[in-house]
Amino acid sequence: MYKEEISMIQIGLLMGSFFVSGAGLYYHGFLLHSVTYNPWLPLLSGGLLSLLPSALAWYFCARFPRDNIVGVAQKLAGRWLGVVITLPLVLFHWALPLPVFRIAAELLVDVHLNQTAPVVLSTILLAIACWIALMGTEVVTRTNDEHLVIIFPLTVVMFYLSIADIRLELVLPVNQFDFSYWGRLDFYASLMVFFGFSLPLFLNDSLGHSKKMYWVILTVTIVGILYLLLTLFLILGTLGMEMASSFEQPLKVKMTTLRQMVFFQRVDIFLVLLWMFPTTTAMAAMIVTGARAVGQWLNLTNYHPVIYVYFVVAFLLRSWFEAFQQSTQFLRWLGPLWGIFMIGTVGILLLLARFRRKKTAASRGTGGDCHG
């Protein structure tokens, strides 16, 4: 409906920003809280488990090229039933920035702006993300491209500086397994870091080669798992399992130890760049995809007014996420519910498409027999 064009590389980088943001802000906290010891197995299990919804997403994009999940739902189920089917996913896209920005604000307060109220910083981050979203999907992706030019070399530098204080005995042993994570909510909440593939579901109408989306999603997932393995190695090798599991953001704690061992004391300010840039653009993508969906439902020629309304509503709801623990708890439930609804919605639409195709084929066959 909206004439916006983005490339496969851009959507892949946008998914990568979603991944980096989640890894820095909440993933390791959830992962380490899900086990008593040896978190390597739940990390790998989560990566493999994420391939199921990932496969559904890339099959959906290939099955309906140049159409997004909103348009497909309305074509298969009717206008208003299509809205009902996809509404939960839109709400998840819009709900995510609120707790994420509150958690990101905690990072800013801890490492740099310790005299500023977190709710003020989270509101500023929300305003910046909405401003980027107002520029449109193409600007969101280009902004993300520019941010990653800074992020990639910065990540290499930070990881290089982090290796010096690694103690391998803190990482071992890896052959003792704790399978209790399968019954813990934190494990399923950690899987949210892989849910960047929700973006192409909403932006598939802007992609010219969506039949090859499986390469993008698979590549981002594999690289993301390697990134998580590396960051977990840095965390455990420095803090140990017992200490790391006591923090909500263990990667932040690991990185802030660098100020004591490098030649410049304000190295922790790089953390702001390392996670604020991808967080802002990833959340802007969540906001703009939700706005495009509502604009598509209402047949609006311009979805910008929807973003204004979203910002006002989010601003009024900011007090709900003022407490850090409340935001973390909200994410703890949001992740599993989002995954369930995403799998269910995509699965239902694929089944409806298959049923309609069979029905159409049967009708054509009957018509051909009568004509003969």
Protein backbone atom coordinates (compact mmCIF):
# COMPACT_ATOMS: atom_id res chain seq x y z
CA MET A 1 0.00 0.00 0.00
CA TYR A 2 2.80 2.41 0.86
CA LYS A 3 5.43 2.90 -1.83
CA GLU A 4 8.56 2.33 0.20
CA GLU A 5 11.49 0.26 -1.00
CA ILE A 6 14.14 -1.34 1.17
CA SER A 7 16.78 -3.88 0.24
CA MET A 8 17.34 -7.36 1.61
CA ILE A 9 20.62 -6.21 3.15
CA GLN A 10 18.87 -3.34 4.91
CA ILE A 11 16.19 -5.56 6.44
CA GLY A 12 18.92 -7.97 7.53
CA LEU A 13 20.88 -5.17 9.21
CA LEU A 14 17.71 -3.94 10.88
CA MET A 15 17.13 -7.41 12.29
CA GLY A 16 20.76 -7.39 13.39
CA SER A 17 20.21 -4.16 15.33
CA PHE A 18 17.21 -5.74 17.04
CA PHE A 19 19.47 -8.63 17.98
CA VAL A 20 22.33 -6.50 19.32
CA SER A 21 19.90 -4.38 21.32
CA GLY A 22 18.29 -7.38 22.97
CA ALA A 23 21.63 -9.07 23.67
CA GLY A 24 22.88 -6.00 25.49
CA LEU A 25 19.78 -5.03 27.42
CA TYR A 26 17.91 -8.14 28.53
CA TYR A 27 18.94 -11.45 26.92
CA HIS A 28 21.77 -12.56 29.20
CA GLY A 29 19.86 -11.56 32.31
CA PHE A 30 16.96 -13.83 31.35
CA LEU A 31 19.26 -16.63 30.18
CA LEU A 32 21.38 -16.74 33.34
CA HIS A 33 18.29 -16.64 35.55
CA SER A 34 16.88 -19.70 33.77
CA VAL A 35 19.61 -22.12 34.96
CA THR A 36 21.59 -22.87 38.09
CA TYR A 37 24.80 -23.64 36.20
CA ASN A 38 26.11 -24.11 32.65
CA PRO A 39 24.02 -21.70 30.50
CA TRP A 40 25.60 -22.88 27.24
CA LEU A 41 22.97 -25.54 26.60
CA PRO A 42 19.94 -23.20 26.97
CA LEU A 43 21.65 -20.73 24.65
CA LEU A 44 22.08 -23.35 21.93
CA SER A 45 18.64 -24.83 22.63
CA GLY A 46 17.07 -21.38 22.29
CA GLY A 47 18.85 -20.79 19.00
CA LEU A 48 17.59 -24.09 17.60
CA LEU A 49 14.08 -23.51 18.96
CA SER A 50 13.96 -20.09 17.30
CA LEU A 51 14.38 -21.75 13.91
CA LEU A 52 10.74 -22.90 14.03
CA PRO A 53 9.14 -19.42 13.95
CA SER A 54 12.00 -18.25 11.74
CA ALA A 55 11.13 -20.92 9.17
CA LEU A 56 7.47 -19.90 9.28
CA ALA A 57 8.45 -16.27 8.73
CA TRP A 58 10.68 -16.90 5.74
CA TYR A 59 8.17 -19.31 4.19
CA PHE A 60 5.45 -16.69 4.64
CA CYS A 61 7.56 -14.01 2.94
CA ALA A 62 8.31 -16.34 0.03
CA ARG A 63 4.69 -17.53 -0.21
CA PHE A 64 3.31 -13.97 -0.43
CA PRO A 65 5.90 -11.82 -2.22
CA ARG A 66 5.29 -8.05 -2.28
CA ASP A 67 2.58 -8.36 0.37
CA ASN A 68 2.78 -8.04 4.15
CA ILE A 69 1.01 -9.93 6.91
CA VAL A 70 -1.66 -7.23 7.26
CA GLY A 71 -2.64 -7.37 3.59
CA VAL A 72 -2.52 -11.16 3.48
CA ALA A 73 -4.78 -11.45 6.54
CA GLN A 74 -7.38 -9.12 5.02
CA LYS A 75 -7.34 -10.96 1.69
CA LEU A 76 -7.73 -14.37 3.28
CA ALA A 77 -10.09 -13.60 6.17
CA GLY A 78 -11.84 -10.40 5.15
CA ARG A 79 -11.14 -6.83 6.15
CA TRP A 80 -12.25 -6.79 9.77
CA LEU A 81 -11.43 -10.37 10.69
CA GLY A 82 -8.01 -9.73 9.20
CA VAL A 83 -7.64 -6.80 11.60
CA VAL A 84 -8.59 -9.01 14.54
CA ILE A 85 -6.05 -11.65 13.50
CA THR A 86 -3.10 -9.26 13.18
CA LEU A 87 -4.00 -6.78 15.95
CA PRO A 88 -2.11 -8.67 18.70
CA LEU A 89 1.12 -8.57 16.68
CA VAL A 90 0.76 -4.82 16.13
CA LEU A 91 0.22 -4.31 19.85
CA PHE A 92 3.35 -6.33 20.61
CA HIS A 93 5.35 -4.13 18.22
CA TRP A 94 4.06 -1.02 19.97
CA ALA A 95 4.41 -2.37 23.50
CA LEU A 96 8.04 -3.43 23.17
CA PRO A 97 9.68 0.04 23.01
CA LEU A 98 8.25 1.11 26.38
CA PRO A 99 10.05 -1.41 28.63
CA VAL A 100 13.10 -1.57 26.36
CA PHE A 101 13.68 2.18 26.56
CA ARG A 102 13.22 2.09 30.33
CA ILE A 103 15.86 -0.64 30.58
CA ALA A 104 18.12 1.29 28.20
CA ALA A 105 17.68 4.39 30.38
CA GLU A 106 19.01 2.38 33.33
CA LEU A 107 22.18 1.77 31.33
CA LEU A 108 22.58 5.49 30.67
CA VAL A 109 22.04 6.33 34.32
CA ASP A 110 24.54 3.73 35.54
CA VAL A 111 27.42 4.62 33.23
CA HIS A 112 27.03 8.32 32.51
CA LEU A 113 23.97 10.36 33.58
CA ASN A 114 23.58 9.31 37.19
CA GLN A 115 21.81 12.53 38.19
CA THR A 116 19.04 12.18 35.61
CA ALA A 117 15.74 10.42 36.27
CA PRO A 118 15.45 7.25 34.14
CA VAL A 119 11.89 8.13 33.12
CA VAL A 120 13.19 11.35 31.54
CA LEU A 121 15.80 9.47 29.52
CA SER A 122 13.33 6.80 28.41
CA THR A 123 10.93 9.53 27.23
CA ILE A 124 13.73 11.19 25.25
CA LEU A 125 14.66 7.87 23.63
CA LEU A 126 11.01 7.26 22.78
CA ALA A 127 10.74 10.72 21.20
CA ILE A 128 13.87 10.14 19.10
CA ALA A 129 12.56 6.77 17.89
CA CYS A 130 9.18 8.28 16.98
CA TRP A 131 10.91 11.14 15.15
CA ILE A 132 12.92 8.65 13.08
CA ALA A 133 9.76 6.63 12.43
CA LEU A 134 8.01 9.78 11.16
CA MET A 135 10.59 9.95 8.38
CA GLY A 136 9.36 6.63 7.03
CA THR A 137 10.59 3.08 6.69
CA GLU A 138 13.32 3.95 4.21
CA VAL A 139 14.83 6.55 6.55
CA VAL A 140 14.67 4.10 9.47
CA THR A 141 16.73 1.57 7.51
CA ARG A 142 19.22 4.17 6.24
CA THR A 143 19.67 5.55 9.75
CA ASN A 144 20.32 2.02 10.94
CA ASP A 145 22.92 1.56 8.19
CA GLU A 146 24.77 4.68 9.35
CA HIS A 147 24.65 3.58 12.99
CA LEU A 148 26.12 0.18 12.18
CA VAL A 149 29.13 1.83 10.54
CA ILE A 150 29.97 2.97 14.08
CA ILE A 151 28.73 -0.11 15.90
CA PHE A 152 30.72 -2.81 14.06
CA PRO A 153 34.24 -1.43 14.70
CA LEU A 154 33.24 -0.34 18.20
CA THR A 155 32.08 -3.87 19.00
CA VAL A 156 35.39 -5.31 17.83
CA VAL A 157 37.33 -2.83 20.00
CA MET A 158 35.21 -3.49 23.08
CA PHE A 159 35.49 -7.26 22.72
CA TYR A 160 39.25 -7.03 22.16
CA LEU A 161 39.68 -5.00 25.35
CA SER A 162 37.49 -7.48 27.23
CA ILE A 163 39.64 -10.54 26.54
CA ALA A 164 42.52 -9.54 28.82
CA ASP A 165 40.78 -10.35 32.11
CA ILE A 166 39.17 -13.65 31.04
CA ARG A 167 39.67 -16.60 33.40
CA LEU A 168 38.90 -19.89 31.66
CA GLU A 169 38.24 -21.74 34.91
CA LEU A 170 35.16 -19.56 35.41
CA VAL A 171 33.72 -20.73 32.08
CA LEU A 172 34.21 -24.44 32.81
CA PRO A 173 32.90 -27.07 33.13
CA VAL A 174 30.62 -27.25 30.13
CA ASN A 175 29.79 -30.96 30.38
CA GLN A 176 27.45 -30.66 33.37
CA PHE A 177 23.91 -30.00 32.23
CA ASP A 178 20.96 -28.38 33.95
CA PHE A 179 17.73 -29.03 32.04
CA SER A 180 15.48 -27.14 34.44
CA TYR A 181 15.42 -24.16 32.05
CA TRP A 182 12.72 -25.83 29.95
CA GLY A 183 10.24 -25.16 32.74
CA ARG A 184 11.26 -21.57 33.47
CA LEU A 185 9.68 -18.44 32.04
CA ASP A 186 13.03 -16.64 31.80
CA PHE A 187 14.26 -19.08 29.16
CA TYR A 188 11.30 -18.43 26.88
CA ALA A 189 11.57 -14.69 27.53
CA SER A 190 15.19 -14.80 26.34
CA LEU A 191 14.04 -16.13 22.94
CA MET A 192 12.64 -12.68 22.18
CA VAL A 193 16.11 -11.65 21.04
CA PHE A 194 15.51 -13.77 17.91
CA PHE A 195 12.18 -12.16 17.04
CA GLY A 196 13.60 -9.58 14.66
CA PHE A 197 12.14 -11.71 11.86
CA SER A 198 8.80 -10.14 12.76
CA LEU A 199 9.96 -7.03 10.86
CA PRO A 200 9.97 -8.62 7.37
CA LEU A 201 6.47 -9.98 8.05
CA PHE A 202 5.26 -6.37 8.19
CA LEU A 203 7.67 -4.96 5.59
CA ASN A 204 7.47 -7.73 3.00
CA ASP A 205 5.53 -5.42 0.66
CA SER A 206 8.61 -3.15 0.51
CA LEU A 207 11.04 -5.95 -0.34
CA GLY A 208 11.79 -6.77 -3.94
CA HIS A 209 13.28 -10.24 -3.45
CA SER A 210 11.36 -11.66 -0.51
CA LYS A 211 11.52 -15.19 -1.93
CA LYS A 212 15.14 -15.23 -0.77
CA MET A 213 14.27 -14.04 2.73
CA TYR A 214 15.33 -17.39 4.18
CA TRP A 215 18.96 -16.50 3.50
CA VAL A 216 18.65 -13.25 5.42
CA ILE A 217 16.83 -14.71 8.43
CA LEU A 218 19.09 -17.77 8.59
CA THR A 219 22.25 -15.66 8.33
CA VAL A 220 21.11 -13.25 11.04
CA THR A 221 20.17 -16.17 13.30
CA ILE A 222 23.51 -17.96 12.87
CA VAL A 223 25.59 -14.79 13.30
CA GLY A 224 23.40 -13.85 16.26
CA ILE A 225 24.02 -17.19 17.99
CA LEU A 226 27.78 -16.72 17.52
CA TYR A 227 27.48 -13.21 18.97
CA LEU A 228 25.60 -14.55 21.99
CA LEU A 229 28.19 -17.30 22.51
CA LEU A 230 31.00 -14.74 22.45
CA THR A 231 29.30 -12.33 24.82
CA LEU A 232 28.38 -15.16 27.21
CA PHE A 233 32.01 -16.29 27.18
CA LEU A 234 33.13 -12.77 28.11
CA ILE A 235 30.56 -12.55 30.91
CA LEU A 236 31.30 -15.93 32.49
CA GLY A 237 35.05 -15.61 32.00
CA THR A 238 35.07 -12.35 33.95
CA LEU A 239 32.26 -12.59 36.49
CA GLY A 240 31.61 -16.30 36.87
CA MET A 241 28.19 -17.92 36.85
CA GLU A 242 27.25 -17.11 40.43
CA MET A 243 28.00 -13.40 40.19
CA ALA A 244 26.71 -12.98 36.62
CA SER A 245 23.35 -14.55 37.45
CA SER A 246 22.80 -11.97 40.20
CA PHE A 247 22.55 -9.11 37.68
CA GLU A 248 19.72 -8.18 35.31
CA GLN A 249 22.26 -6.84 32.74
CA PRO A 250 25.45 -8.89 33.21
CA LEU A 251 26.94 -7.78 29.89
CA LYS A 252 26.73 -4.16 31.06
CA VAL A 253 28.49 -5.11 34.32
CA LYS A 254 31.20 -6.89 32.34
CA MET A 255 31.80 -3.94 30.05
CA THR A 256 31.87 -1.37 32.85
CA THR A 257 34.83 -3.22 34.40
CA LEU A 258 36.90 -1.99 31.45
CA ARG A 259 37.23 1.48 32.95
CA GLN A 260 39.68 0.02 35.49
CA MET A 261 42.02 -1.60 32.99
CA VAL A 262 42.35 0.58 29.89
CA PHE A 263 44.24 3.78 29.21
CA PHE A 264 41.16 6.02 29.07
CA GLN A 265 38.78 6.15 32.00
CA ARG A 266 35.51 6.93 30.25
CA VAL A 267 35.48 3.81 28.08
CA ASP A 268 32.05 3.04 29.50
CA ILE A 269 30.57 5.89 27.45
CA PHE A 270 31.12 3.63 24.44
CA LEU A 271 28.42 1.42 25.92
CA VAL A 272 25.96 4.20 25.16
CA LEU A 273 26.97 4.09 21.50
CA LEU A 274 27.22 0.31 21.41
CA TRP A 275 23.61 -0.28 22.48
CA MET A 276 21.74 3.01 22.22
CA PHE A 277 22.14 3.34 18.44
CA PRO A 278 20.81 -0.13 17.50
CA THR A 279 18.15 0.09 20.22
CA THR A 280 16.82 3.39 18.89
CA THR A 281 16.62 2.27 15.27
CA ALA A 282 15.23 -1.18 16.12
CA MET A 283 12.46 0.34 18.25
CA ALA A 284 11.79 2.95 15.54
CA ALA A 285 11.25 0.01 13.18
CA MET A 286 8.78 -1.52 15.63
CA ILE A 287 6.89 1.77 15.85
CA VAL A 288 6.80 2.40 12.10
CA THR A 289 5.64 -1.15 11.29
CA GLY A 290 2.77 -0.78 13.76
CA ALA A 291 1.84 2.59 12.28
CA ARG A 292 1.92 1.21 8.73
CA ALA A 293 -0.39 -1.62 9.79
CA VAL A 294 -2.95 0.76 11.31
CA GLY A 295 -2.71 3.02 8.27
CA GLN A 296 -3.31 0.00 6.07
CA TRP A 297 -6.38 -1.00 8.10
CA LEU A 298 -7.86 2.50 7.87
CA ASN A 299 -6.80 3.09 4.24
CA LEU A 300 -4.80 6.17 5.24
CA THR A 301 -2.63 7.73 2.56
CA ASN A 302 -0.17 8.80 5.27
CA TYR A 303 0.49 6.90 8.48
CA HIS A 304 2.29 9.78 10.23
CA PRO A 305 -0.76 10.78 12.32
CA VAL A 306 -0.77 7.27 13.77
CA ILE A 307 2.77 7.79 15.07
CA TYR A 308 1.75 11.06 16.74
CA VAL A 309 -1.11 9.27 18.48
CA TYR A 310 1.20 6.44 19.50
CA PHE A 311 3.69 8.86 21.07
CA VAL A 312 0.97 10.60 23.07
CA VAL A 313 -0.43 7.30 24.36
CA ALA A 314 3.04 5.96 25.15
CA PHE A 315 3.90 9.20 26.97
CA LEU A 316 0.78 8.86 29.10
CA LEU A 317 1.64 5.24 29.91
CA ARG A 318 5.25 5.96 30.87
CA SER A 319 4.51 5.79 34.61
CA TRP A 320 3.65 2.09 34.23
CA PHE A 321 7.27 1.43 33.28
CA GLU A 322 8.95 3.84 35.68
CA ALA A 323 10.25 1.00 37.87
CA PHE A 324 13.09 -1.01 36.34
CA GLN A 325 11.90 -4.31 37.80
CA GLN A 326 8.40 -3.72 36.49
CA SER A 327 9.73 -3.18 32.97
CA THR A 328 11.83 -6.33 33.22
CA GLN A 329 8.85 -8.34 34.45
CA PHE A 330 6.74 -6.97 31.60
CA LEU A 331 9.34 -8.18 29.10
CA ARG A 332 9.48 -11.52 30.86
CA TRP A 333 5.83 -12.11 29.91
CA LEU A 334 5.84 -10.20 26.62
CA GLY A 335 8.44 -12.44 24.97
CA PRO A 336 6.67 -15.80 25.32
CA LEU A 337 3.25 -14.33 24.49
CA TRP A 338 4.65 -12.59 21.42
CA GLY A 339 6.21 -15.83 20.22
CA ILE A 340 2.99 -17.79 20.72
CA PHE A 341 0.87 -15.23 18.88
CA MET A 342 3.40 -14.89 16.07
CA ILE A 343 3.58 -18.63 15.45
CA GLY A 344 -0.20 -18.93 15.75
CA THR A 345 -0.97 -16.01 13.43
CA VAL A 346 1.45 -17.01 10.69
CA GLY A 347 0.38 -20.65 10.98
CA ILE A 348 -3.32 -19.77 10.70
CA LEU A 349 -2.74 -17.59 7.64
CA LEU A 350 -0.68 -20.28 5.92
CA LEU A 351 -3.42 -22.84 6.62
CA LEU A 352 -6.09 -20.46 5.29
CA ALA A 353 -4.05 -19.90 2.15
CA ARG A 354 -3.64 -23.64 1.65
CA PHE A 355 -7.36 -24.26 2.22
CA ARG A 356 -8.32 -21.53 -0.24
CA ARG A 357 -5.91 -22.85 -2.84
CA LYS A 358 -7.38 -26.36 -2.55
CA LYS A 359 -10.90 -24.97 -2.72
CA THR A 360 -10.06 -22.93 -5.81
CA ALA A 361 -8.43 -25.94 -7.48
CA ALA A 362 -11.47 -28.10 -6.70
CA SER A 363 -13.83 -25.47 -8.12
CA ARG A 364 -11.82 -25.23 -11.32
CA GLY A 365 -11.79 -29.01 -11.64
CA THR A 366 -15.57 -29.22 -11.19
CA GLY A 367 -16.11 -26.44 -13.68
CA GLY A 368 -13.91 -28.21 -16.20
CA ASP A 369 -15.87 -31.47 -15.88
CA CYS A 370 -19.20 -29.72 -16.40
CA HIS A 371 -17.92 -27.94 -19.44
CA GLY A 372 -16.76 -31.20 -20.95
